[in-house]
């Protein structure tokens, strides 16, 4: 089940242009994205009202209008049919349009009732717009339910083991100091391990000459958005507040995770990593390896859940943020159903 009253990332801004429509399925709904004549991004349901032909297979005509490839019906960015070949007037034909906004190089789409769309509710991306900072953009199409990716990002114990091959973690990170603060639709979580050997890639990129302090400072907002300040600094230099230079005993990143459900079994995973340092082939390779390890893990879980869906998953102490996330999503789903007079149910894969 999906939370509908939310802004989700639909595409990178440079994926959506005025030359060719872009098809994307979001929360199970086929959507077509394009740019109107004024350059603004638009999103419509991806079907012609006449014979349900996907409009994403059509073209964008002069004036920034979308033309169906089957019979030529033409739609404006608001979903109104403005031309039917062979008729003087298209009448009242229209299709659903979605509220759209752009932030930090991404096209966001509101999937709930249009009257409830408020772009001020888009997840805070201000860290990505800091002067002098750089970013690295990653996308993966994950063959798994979005909640498994939510679980992965809330469950930071996995970094100590899953990310050993990429050099992002080591087993010394298994024991950590934890602090969790939960709100109605969000939580703040810190995980810190001090005075340990640096994980391989962090040691190489930080040039740490002695043991390091390893931290994650995580902010989650429902249903599926995370910002994580994570890094290493030589022990005793201040951890997340260390003043050591990047590559001079410290290395840190600020990944923003934008998780967009596609279907019950697939997910669009957008990640924008903010950083102070200039990107390189080495850092790109490291970030690619880390995201691929995460996607591999949740896809394996999805396969196991589908094979034996009735076997329960056990809870351990480090799951507290994961449980908080699941409760937040469940409350959001319940609030939407209560507004429609329906029953409530827990968020599940």
Protein backbone atom coordinates (compact mmCIF):
# COMPACT_ATOMS: atom_id res chain seq x y z
CA UNK A 1 0.00 0.00 0.00
CA UNK A 2 1.21 3.49 -0.82
CA UNK A 3 0.97 6.87 0.87
CA UNK A 4 -0.65 9.11 -1.73
CA UNK A 5 -0.59 12.44 0.07
CA UNK A 6 3.09 12.99 -0.62
CA UNK A 7 5.51 14.62 -3.03
CA UNK A 8 7.71 12.02 -4.75
CA UNK A 9 10.67 12.44 -7.06
CA UNK A 10 9.51 11.49 -10.55
CA UNK A 11 12.66 12.20 -12.56
CA UNK A 12 15.84 14.22 -12.79
CA UNK A 13 15.05 17.63 -14.27
CA UNK A 14 17.26 16.98 -17.29
CA UNK A 15 15.32 13.80 -18.10
CA UNK A 16 12.20 15.85 -18.81
CA UNK A 17 12.35 18.00 -21.92
CA UNK A 18 10.21 19.43 -24.70
CA UNK A 19 11.34 16.96 -27.33
CA UNK A 20 10.18 13.54 -26.14
CA UNK A 21 7.68 12.40 -23.49
CA UNK A 22 8.99 10.37 -20.55
CA UNK A 23 7.02 7.41 -19.19
CA UNK A 24 7.24 6.62 -15.48
CA UNK A 25 5.10 4.52 -13.15
CA UNK A 26 4.68 5.98 -9.66
CA UNK A 27 2.69 4.29 -6.85
CA UNK A 28 1.27 1.96 -9.48
CA UNK A 29 0.00 4.76 -11.72
CA UNK A 30 1.35 5.17 -15.29
CA UNK A 31 2.39 8.80 -15.76
CA UNK A 32 3.82 10.76 -18.68
CA UNK A 33 6.17 13.70 -18.09
CA UNK A 34 7.04 16.46 -20.53
CA UNK A 35 7.69 20.19 -20.71
CA UNK A 36 5.11 22.68 -21.88
CA UNK A 37 5.89 25.64 -24.14
CA UNK A 38 6.82 27.80 -21.14
CA UNK A 39 9.45 25.24 -20.06
CA UNK A 40 7.55 24.09 -17.00
CA UNK A 41 7.41 20.35 -16.30
CA UNK A 42 4.00 18.72 -16.60
CA UNK A 43 2.65 15.31 -15.62
CA UNK A 44 -0.46 13.58 -16.95
CA UNK A 45 -1.89 10.11 -16.63
CA UNK A 46 -0.27 8.09 -19.39
CA UNK A 47 -3.34 7.22 -21.41
CA UNK A 48 -5.40 8.84 -24.09
CA UNK A 49 -9.04 9.26 -23.09
CA UNK A 50 -10.12 7.81 -26.46
CA UNK A 51 -8.63 4.29 -26.55
CA UNK A 52 -6.19 4.25 -23.62
CA UNK A 53 -3.13 4.44 -25.85
CA UNK A 54 -0.08 5.48 -23.76
CA UNK A 55 0.61 9.12 -24.53
CA UNK A 56 4.28 8.57 -23.73
CA UNK A 57 4.49 6.79 -27.10
CA UNK A 58 3.35 9.96 -28.84
CA UNK A 59 5.11 13.24 -29.50
CA UNK A 60 5.31 16.78 -28.19
CA UNK A 61 3.92 19.17 -30.79
CA UNK A 62 4.53 22.86 -31.28
CA UNK A 63 3.12 24.74 -28.34
CA UNK A 64 4.27 22.08 -25.87
CA UNK A 65 1.22 19.88 -26.33
CA UNK A 66 1.12 16.11 -26.16
CA UNK A 67 -0.18 14.23 -29.21
CA UNK A 68 -1.55 10.69 -29.02
CA UNK A 69 0.19 8.41 -31.57
CA UNK A 70 -3.03 6.48 -32.31
CA UNK A 71 -5.65 9.02 -33.46
CA UNK A 72 -3.94 12.35 -32.90
CA UNK A 73 -5.90 13.66 -29.92
CA UNK A 74 -3.88 16.51 -28.44
CA UNK A 75 -3.59 17.52 -24.76
CA UNK A 76 -2.28 20.57 -22.97
CA UNK A 77 -0.23 20.49 -19.78
CA UNK A 78 -3.40 20.61 -17.68
CA UNK A 79 -4.78 17.41 -19.21
CA UNK A 80 -7.38 19.15 -21.34
CA UNK A 81 -7.92 17.77 -24.84
CA UNK A 82 -7.51 20.72 -27.19
CA UNK A 83 -7.83 18.95 -30.54
CA UNK A 84 -9.67 15.94 -31.95
CA UNK A 85 -8.99 15.40 -35.67
CA UNK A 86 -12.21 15.57 -37.69
CA UNK A 87 -14.13 17.53 -35.03
CA UNK A 88 -14.70 21.25 -34.69
CA UNK A 89 -14.33 21.00 -30.92
CA UNK A 90 -12.86 18.40 -28.55
CA UNK A 91 -15.75 18.91 -26.17
CA UNK A 92 -15.08 18.11 -22.50
CA UNK A 93 -12.49 15.39 -22.99
CA UNK A 94 -9.73 15.54 -20.38
CA UNK A 95 -7.38 13.30 -18.42
CA UNK A 96 -5.87 13.56 -14.97
CA UNK A 97 -3.02 16.00 -14.43
CA UNK A 98 -0.70 15.96 -11.43
CA UNK A 99 0.75 18.92 -9.52
CA UNK A 100 4.46 19.24 -10.29
CA UNK A 101 7.34 21.22 -8.78
CA UNK A 102 11.12 21.32 -9.29
CA UNK A 103 13.68 21.34 -6.50
CA UNK A 104 17.43 20.69 -6.52
CA UNK A 105 17.47 19.39 -10.09
CA UNK A 106 14.55 16.99 -9.59
CA UNK A 107 10.97 16.91 -10.81
CA UNK A 108 8.59 16.24 -7.92
CA UNK A 109 5.02 15.03 -8.34
CA UNK A 110 2.10 15.16 -5.89
CA UNK A 111 0.01 11.98 -6.06
CA UNK A 112 -2.77 12.93 -3.66
CA UNK A 113 -5.83 15.16 -4.21
CA UNK A 114 -4.63 18.23 -6.18
CA UNK A 115 -6.23 20.62 -3.72
CA UNK A 116 -3.93 19.35 -0.97
CA UNK A 117 -0.71 19.94 -2.93
CA UNK A 118 1.61 22.37 -1.14
CA UNK A 119 5.15 22.57 -2.50
CA UNK A 120 6.42 23.85 0.85
CA UNK A 121 5.98 20.26 2.05
CA UNK A 122 8.69 18.91 -0.28
CA UNK A 123 11.55 17.29 1.62
CA UNK A 124 14.23 19.81 2.57
CA UNK A 125 17.00 19.85 -0.06
CA UNK A 126 18.72 23.04 1.10
CA UNK A 127 21.93 21.22 2.00
CA UNK A 128 22.32 20.33 -1.66
CA UNK A 129 22.31 24.01 -2.59
CA UNK A 130 25.13 25.15 -0.30
CA UNK A 131 27.61 27.48 -2.04
CA UNK A 132 30.80 25.72 -2.99
CA UNK A 133 29.42 22.22 -2.49
CA UNK A 134 29.26 19.51 -5.15
CA UNK A 135 26.89 16.60 -5.63
CA UNK A 136 26.92 13.13 -7.14
CA UNK A 137 23.64 11.79 -8.50
CA UNK A 138 22.75 8.11 -8.50
CA UNK A 139 19.67 6.23 -9.66
CA UNK A 140 18.78 2.57 -9.40
CA UNK A 141 15.64 0.71 -10.41
CA UNK A 142 15.24 -1.74 -7.53
CA UNK A 143 13.23 -4.93 -7.91
CA UNK A 144 11.87 -4.73 -4.37
CA UNK A 145 9.14 -3.05 -2.35
CA UNK A 146 10.02 0.47 -1.27
CA UNK A 147 9.62 -0.40 2.42
CA UNK A 148 12.58 -2.78 2.20
CA UNK A 149 14.72 0.14 1.04
CA UNK A 150 13.25 2.24 3.85
CA UNK A 151 14.23 -0.55 6.26
CA UNK A 152 17.77 -0.65 4.87
CA UNK A 153 18.35 3.06 5.40
CA UNK A 154 16.85 3.07 8.90
CA UNK A 155 18.88 -0.01 9.92
CA UNK A 156 22.45 1.32 10.08
CA UNK A 157 23.91 -1.81 11.69
CA UNK A 158 23.97 -3.23 8.17
CA UNK A 159 26.77 -0.80 7.23
CA UNK A 160 29.19 -2.74 9.43
CA UNK A 161 28.71 -5.91 7.40
CA UNK A 162 26.98 -5.37 4.04
CA UNK A 163 29.37 -2.59 3.05
CA UNK A 164 32.64 -4.35 3.86
CA UNK A 165 33.27 -5.20 0.16
CA UNK A 166 32.97 -1.53 -0.90
CA UNK A 167 35.10 -0.39 2.05
CA UNK A 168 32.24 1.57 3.58
CA UNK A 169 32.07 -0.48 6.76
CA UNK A 170 33.90 -2.90 9.03
CA UNK A 171 32.89 -5.18 11.87
CA UNK A 172 34.31 -2.79 14.46
CA UNK A 173 31.27 -0.63 13.72
CA UNK A 174 28.94 -3.32 15.10
CA UNK A 175 28.81 -1.78 18.57
CA UNK A 176 27.77 1.87 18.64
CA UNK A 177 26.28 4.68 20.70
CA UNK A 178 22.70 5.30 19.55
CA UNK A 179 20.25 8.14 20.05
CA UNK A 180 16.74 8.24 18.56
CA UNK A 181 14.13 11.02 18.73
CA UNK A 182 10.75 10.29 17.09
CA UNK A 183 8.10 12.79 15.93
CA UNK A 184 4.73 12.39 14.24
CA UNK A 185 6.03 11.97 10.70
CA UNK A 186 9.80 11.93 11.19
CA UNK A 187 12.69 10.87 13.35
CA UNK A 188 16.26 11.96 14.08
CA UNK A 189 18.84 9.26 14.72
CA UNK A 190 22.54 9.27 15.47
CA UNK A 191 24.85 6.28 15.43
CA UNK A 192 28.45 6.71 16.47
CA UNK A 193 31.45 4.41 16.96
CA UNK A 194 34.62 6.03 18.26
CA UNK A 195 38.27 5.02 18.17
CA UNK A 196 38.16 2.18 15.64
CA UNK A 197 40.22 1.35 12.55
CA UNK A 198 38.88 3.15 9.50
CA UNK A 199 36.81 1.14 7.00
CA UNK A 200 39.01 0.61 3.94
CA UNK A 201 37.57 3.20 1.55
CA UNK A 202 37.04 5.80 4.26
CA UNK A 203 40.61 5.30 5.44
CA UNK A 204 41.96 5.78 1.93
CA UNK A 205 39.80 8.82 1.12
CA UNK A 206 40.36 10.52 4.50
CA UNK A 207 44.10 9.72 4.70
CA UNK A 208 43.57 9.13 8.42
CA UNK A 209 46.87 8.28 10.12
CA UNK A 210 45.35 6.72 13.21
CA UNK A 211 42.04 5.36 14.47
CA UNK A 212 38.90 7.24 13.53
CA UNK A 213 35.49 8.17 14.88
CA UNK A 214 32.68 6.95 12.59
CA UNK A 215 29.26 8.58 12.60
CA UNK A 216 25.84 8.65 10.97
CA UNK A 217 23.47 11.55 11.69
CA UNK A 218 20.18 10.68 10.05
CA UNK A 219 16.94 12.58 9.49
CA UNK A 220 13.93 10.67 8.16
CA UNK A 221 10.59 12.02 7.03
CA UNK A 222 7.69 9.86 5.96
CA UNK A 223 6.92 8.17 3.86
CA UNK A 224 10.33 7.60 2.23
CA UNK A 225 12.91 10.38 2.51
CA UNK A 226 16.28 10.32 4.29
CA UNK A 227 19.17 12.73 4.77
CA UNK A 228 22.31 11.21 6.29
CA UNK A 229 25.47 13.03 7.35
CA UNK A 230 28.08 10.28 7.52
CA UNK A 231 31.84 10.18 7.64
CA UNK A 232 35.03 9.60 9.57
CA UNK A 233 37.55 11.82 11.33
CA UNK A 234 40.65 11.01 13.29
CA UNK A 235 39.76 10.10 16.85
CA UNK A 236 39.54 13.07 19.18
CA UNK A 237 39.19 15.69 16.43
CA UNK A 238 35.47 16.32 16.93
CA UNK A 239 33.64 13.62 14.97
CA UNK A 240 30.90 15.23 12.83
CA UNK A 241 32.16 18.67 13.89
CA UNK A 242 35.83 17.97 13.14
CA UNK A 243 37.73 20.87 11.60
CA UNK A 244 40.28 18.61 9.93
CA UNK A 245 40.47 19.15 6.17
CA UNK A 246 38.90 16.70 3.75
CA UNK A 247 41.61 14.19 2.89
CA UNK A 248 43.66 15.36 5.86
CA UNK A 249 42.23 13.03 8.48
CA UNK A 250 38.53 13.52 7.65
CA UNK A 251 36.15 12.48 4.89
CA UNK A 252 32.37 12.94 4.91
CA UNK A 253 29.32 12.87 2.66
CA UNK A 254 25.70 13.94 2.90
CA UNK A 255 23.52 11.46 0.98
CA UNK A 256 19.88 12.41 0.36
CA UNK A 257 17.72 9.39 -0.39
CA UNK A 258 14.50 9.92 -2.35
CA UNK A 259 12.54 6.65 -2.53
CA UNK A 260 9.66 6.57 -5.00
CA UNK A 261 7.46 3.46 -5.06
CA UNK A 262 6.87 2.22 -8.59
CA UNK A 263 4.79 -0.91 -7.90
CA UNK A 264 4.38 -3.22 -4.92
CA UNK A 265 7.53 -5.03 -6.08
CA UNK A 266 9.65 -2.30 -7.68
CA UNK A 267 11.07 1.06 -6.62
CA UNK A 268 12.69 4.14 -8.15
CA UNK A 269 15.71 4.92 -5.98
CA UNK A 270 17.07 8.45 -6.45
CA UNK A 271 20.10 9.45 -4.39
CA UNK A 272 21.90 12.79 -4.37
CA UNK A 273 25.13 12.84 -2.39
CA UNK A 274 26.22 16.29 -1.27
CA UNK A 275 29.92 16.77 -0.55
CA UNK A 276 32.57 19.41 0.02
CA UNK A 277 35.19 17.70 -2.19
CA UNK A 278 35.38 17.71 -5.97
CA UNK A 279 34.13 14.43 -7.48
CA UNK A 280 36.55 11.94 -9.00
CA UNK A 281 36.40 8.55 -10.65
CA UNK A 282 37.48 6.97 -7.34
CA UNK A 283 34.70 8.58 -5.31
CA UNK A 284 32.14 7.77 -8.00
CA UNK A 285 33.20 4.13 -7.98
CA UNK A 286 32.88 3.99 -4.19
CA UNK A 287 29.40 5.54 -4.17
CA UNK A 288 28.27 3.22 -6.98
CA UNK A 289 29.54 0.19 -5.07
CA UNK A 290 27.70 1.22 -1.89
CA UNK A 291 24.34 1.78 -3.56
CA UNK A 292 24.70 -1.48 -5.50
CA UNK A 293 25.28 -3.38 -2.25
CA UNK A 294 22.10 -1.89 -0.77
CA UNK A 295 20.00 -2.71 -3.83
CA UNK A 296 21.42 -6.24 -3.97
CA UNK A 297 20.39 -6.81 -0.34
CA UNK A 298 16.80 -5.63 -0.68
CA UNK A 299 16.29 -7.55 -3.93
CA UNK A 300 17.44 -10.73 -2.18
CA UNK A 301 14.98 -10.01 0.63
CA UNK A 302 12.15 -9.44 -1.85
CA UNK A 303 12.80 -12.81 -3.47
CA UNK A 304 12.85 -14.54 -0.07
CA UNK A 305 9.62 -12.83 1.02
CA UNK A 306 7.84 -13.85 -2.16
CA UNK A 307 9.04 -17.44 -1.83
CA UNK A 308 7.92 -17.80 1.81
CA UNK A 309 5.68 -14.86 2.72
CA UNK A 310 4.33 -16.34 5.97
CA UNK A 311 7.66 -16.69 7.77
CA UNK A 312 7.99 -13.74 10.19
CA UNK A 313 11.06 -11.54 10.48
CA UNK A 314 12.54 -11.29 13.98
CA UNK A 315 13.36 -8.00 15.68
CA UNK A 316 16.71 -7.09 17.25
CA UNK A 317 17.77 -4.11 19.36
CA UNK A 318 19.23 -2.10 16.46
CA UNK A 319 15.83 -2.13 14.70
CA UNK A 320 14.44 0.76 16.78
CA UNK A 321 14.67 3.33 13.94
CA UNK A 322 13.25 0.77 11.51
CA UNK A 323 10.28 0.16 13.81
CA UNK A 324 9.78 3.91 14.18
CA UNK A 325 9.75 4.32 10.40
CA UNK A 326 7.21 1.53 9.95
CA UNK A 327 4.93 3.08 12.58
CA UNK A 328 5.14 6.48 10.86
CA UNK A 329 4.20 4.99 7.48
CA UNK A 330 1.36 3.03 9.10
CA UNK A 331 0.01 6.24 10.69
CA UNK A 332 0.19 8.06 7.36
CA UNK A 333 -1.71 5.26 5.62
CA UNK A 334 -4.28 5.18 8.42
CA UNK A 335 -4.82 8.93 8.26
CA UNK A 336 -5.57 8.72 4.55
CA UNK A 337 -7.93 5.77 4.98
CA UNK A 338 -9.73 7.38 7.91
CA UNK A 339 -10.36 10.40 5.75
CA UNK A 340 -12.00 8.09 3.21
CA UNK A 341 -13.93 6.15 5.84
CA UNK A 342 -11.90 2.95 5.43
CA UNK A 343 -10.17 0.51 7.75
CA UNK A 344 -6.55 0.71 8.88
CA UNK A 345 -3.69 -1.75 8.38
CA UNK A 346 0.01 -1.92 9.14
CA UNK A 347 2.59 -0.96 6.54
CA UNK A 348 3.90 -4.20 5.06
CA UNK A 349 5.75 -5.45 2.02
